[in-house]
Amino acid sequence: MGGTFNGTPSTLAAMQATIDELSKPGFYERLFALGAFMRAELDGILDRLGLPAQSAGFGSVWLIYFLSGPYRDYQDLLRNDDAFDLAFRKEMIANRLIGQPLPLKRLYLSGSHDRATVEKSLDVIETILRRLSTRNTTRA
């Protein structure tokens, strides 16, 4: 396996520092608890705004499906409001929340996130969703 930075001292030091962080007691428990908090708060925001949407994810992974009713498989996800999803993701990026501007793509929390950062992100997300939902009154 070749590569410009493979095996260089700086790459190996970064790798070791990453392993050290990931090995700290409680690292994953804290990260997964933040993910659960994020998803629960997102569902609260969606309910308050009356949007036909729901959060999804696991561990530190989160996303919003902009559809009503249950989803069980990919066929159900085809009901996602891709136009609204894309507008939401573009607004997130414009507001300095990192994500892909592609509908149905997962978003992630990392070890650098803490509760305060997640709460700030949720405030921004609520503002974005409120603005988008009032602009798009044709959504049911």
Protein backbone atom coordinates (compact mmCIF):
# COMPACT_ATOMS: atom_id res chain seq x y z
CA MET A 1 0.00 0.00 0.00
CA GLY A 2 1.58 3.25 -1.09
CA GLY A 3 0.80 6.81 -0.20
CA THR A 4 2.48 10.14 0.34
CA PHE A 5 1.90 10.23 4.10
CA ASN A 6 1.82 6.51 4.95
CA GLY A 7 4.24 5.71 7.73
CA THR A 8 5.58 9.22 8.25
CA PRO A 9 6.25 10.21 11.87
CA SER A 10 3.56 12.90 11.86
CA THR A 11 0.96 10.47 10.51
CA LEU A 12 1.88 7.85 13.08
CA ALA A 13 1.76 10.42 15.90
CA ALA A 14 -1.72 11.54 14.80
CA MET A 15 -2.85 7.93 14.61
CA GLN A 16 -1.56 7.19 18.11
CA ALA A 17 -3.21 10.33 19.52
CA THR A 18 -6.52 9.26 17.93
CA ILE A 19 -6.26 5.76 19.39
CA ASP A 20 -5.45 7.26 22.81
CA GLU A 21 -8.59 9.45 22.69
CA LEU A 22 -10.84 6.63 21.50
CA SER A 23 -9.49 4.36 24.26
CA LYS A 24 -10.36 6.70 27.12
CA PRO A 25 -12.94 5.24 29.52
CA GLY A 26 -16.45 6.43 28.73
CA PHE A 27 -15.56 7.94 25.34
CA TYR A 28 -18.17 6.02 23.36
CA GLU A 29 -20.80 6.15 26.11
CA ARG A 30 -20.52 9.96 26.20
CA LEU A 31 -20.59 10.24 22.40
CA PHE A 32 -23.57 7.89 22.01
CA ALA A 33 -25.46 9.71 24.78
CA LEU A 34 -24.93 12.96 22.86
CA GLY A 35 -26.31 11.27 19.74
CA ALA A 36 -29.41 10.11 21.63
CA PHE A 37 -29.84 13.62 23.05
CA MET A 38 -29.50 15.14 19.57
CA ARG A 39 -32.15 12.84 18.09
CA ALA A 40 -34.58 13.34 20.98
CA GLU A 41 -34.23 17.12 20.78
CA LEU A 42 -34.66 17.05 17.00
CA ASP A 43 -37.91 15.13 17.40
CA GLY A 44 -39.07 17.77 19.88
CA ILE A 45 -38.26 20.55 17.42
CA LEU A 46 -40.06 18.75 14.60
CA ASP A 47 -43.12 18.22 16.81
CA ARG A 48 -43.18 21.88 17.95
CA LEU A 49 -43.01 23.06 14.35
CA GLY A 50 -45.60 20.53 13.18
CA LEU A 51 -43.32 19.23 10.46
CA PRO A 52 -44.02 15.82 8.90
CA ALA A 53 -40.56 14.51 9.75
CA GLN A 54 -38.66 12.42 12.25
CA SER A 55 -35.11 11.92 13.36
CA ALA A 56 -33.24 8.70 12.78
CA GLY A 57 -29.82 7.32 13.53
CA PHE A 58 -27.81 5.33 16.03
CA GLY A 59 -24.86 6.02 18.29
CA SER A 60 -23.36 9.32 17.15
CA VAL A 61 -25.21 9.24 13.81
CA TRP A 62 -28.23 11.44 13.16
CA LEU A 63 -30.39 12.65 10.30
CA ILE A 64 -33.92 13.80 9.63
CA TYR A 65 -36.33 12.01 7.33
CA PHE A 66 -38.76 14.57 5.94
CA LEU A 67 -41.70 12.22 5.60
CA SER A 68 -44.72 11.29 7.67
CA GLY A 69 -45.59 7.87 8.93
CA PRO A 70 -43.35 4.93 9.68
CA TYR A 71 -40.43 3.85 7.57
CA ARG A 72 -39.20 0.29 7.34
CA ASP A 73 -37.13 0.07 4.21
CA TYR A 74 -35.68 2.02 1.33
CA GLN A 75 -39.00 2.03 -0.51
CA ASP A 76 -40.48 4.02 2.38
CA LEU A 77 -37.60 6.49 2.24
CA LEU A 78 -38.53 7.34 -1.34
CA ARG A 79 -41.34 9.40 0.22
CA ASN A 80 -38.73 11.77 1.68
CA ASP A 81 -39.29 15.41 0.68
CA ASP A 82 -35.94 15.72 -1.08
CA ALA A 83 -36.44 19.38 -2.02
CA PHE A 84 -37.07 20.36 1.61
CA ASP A 85 -34.22 18.10 2.78
CA LEU A 86 -31.80 19.73 0.33
CA ALA A 87 -32.90 23.24 1.30
CA PHE A 88 -32.40 22.32 4.97
CA ARG A 89 -28.91 20.95 4.34
CA LYS A 90 -27.86 23.97 2.28
CA GLU A 91 -29.05 26.26 5.08
CA MET A 92 -27.11 24.19 7.60
CA ILE A 93 -23.93 24.65 5.57
CA ALA A 94 -24.63 28.38 5.16
CA ASN A 95 -24.91 28.54 8.96
CA ARG A 96 -21.57 26.76 9.46
CA LEU A 97 -22.97 23.34 10.35
CA ILE A 98 -21.03 20.79 8.38
CA GLY A 99 -22.88 18.21 6.33
CA GLN A 100 -23.39 16.99 2.80
CA PRO A 101 -25.90 18.85 0.61
CA LEU A 102 -27.52 15.56 -0.39
CA PRO A 103 -30.90 14.29 0.84
CA LEU A 104 -30.96 11.25 3.14
CA LYS A 105 -27.24 11.42 3.95
CA ARG A 106 -26.22 10.71 7.52
CA LEU A 107 -24.74 13.37 9.78
CA TYR A 108 -22.32 12.69 12.61
CA LEU A 109 -21.23 13.88 16.00
CA SER A 110 -17.58 13.44 16.93
CA GLY A 111 -15.46 13.30 20.04
CA SER A 112 -14.90 17.05 19.77
CA HIS A 113 -18.60 17.76 20.30
CA ASP A 114 -19.93 18.48 23.76
CA ARG A 115 -23.42 19.20 25.09
CA ALA A 116 -23.03 22.97 24.65
CA THR A 117 -21.99 22.57 21.01
CA VAL A 118 -24.91 20.23 20.32
CA GLU A 119 -27.35 22.65 21.98
CA LYS A 120 -26.03 25.54 19.83
CA SER A 121 -26.41 23.36 16.73
CA LEU A 122 -29.98 22.49 17.74
CA ASP A 123 -30.79 26.20 18.14
CA VAL A 124 -29.50 26.87 14.62
CA ILE A 125 -31.39 23.86 13.24
CA GLU A 126 -34.63 24.99 14.85
CA THR A 127 -34.23 28.47 13.36
CA ILE A 128 -33.55 26.99 9.92
CA LEU A 129 -36.51 24.61 10.08
CA ARG A 130 -38.84 27.36 11.30
CA ARG A 131 -37.78 29.64 8.45
CA LEU A 132 -38.06 26.91 5.81
CA SER A 133 -41.44 25.70 7.06
CA THR A 134 -42.95 29.20 6.90
CA ARG A 135 -41.58 29.75 3.39
CA ASN A 136 -42.94 26.45 2.16
CA THR A 137 -46.59 26.51 3.20
CA THR A 138 -47.55 23.83 0.67
CA ARG A 139 -46.05 21.08 2.86
CA ALA A 140 -48.63 18.94 4.64
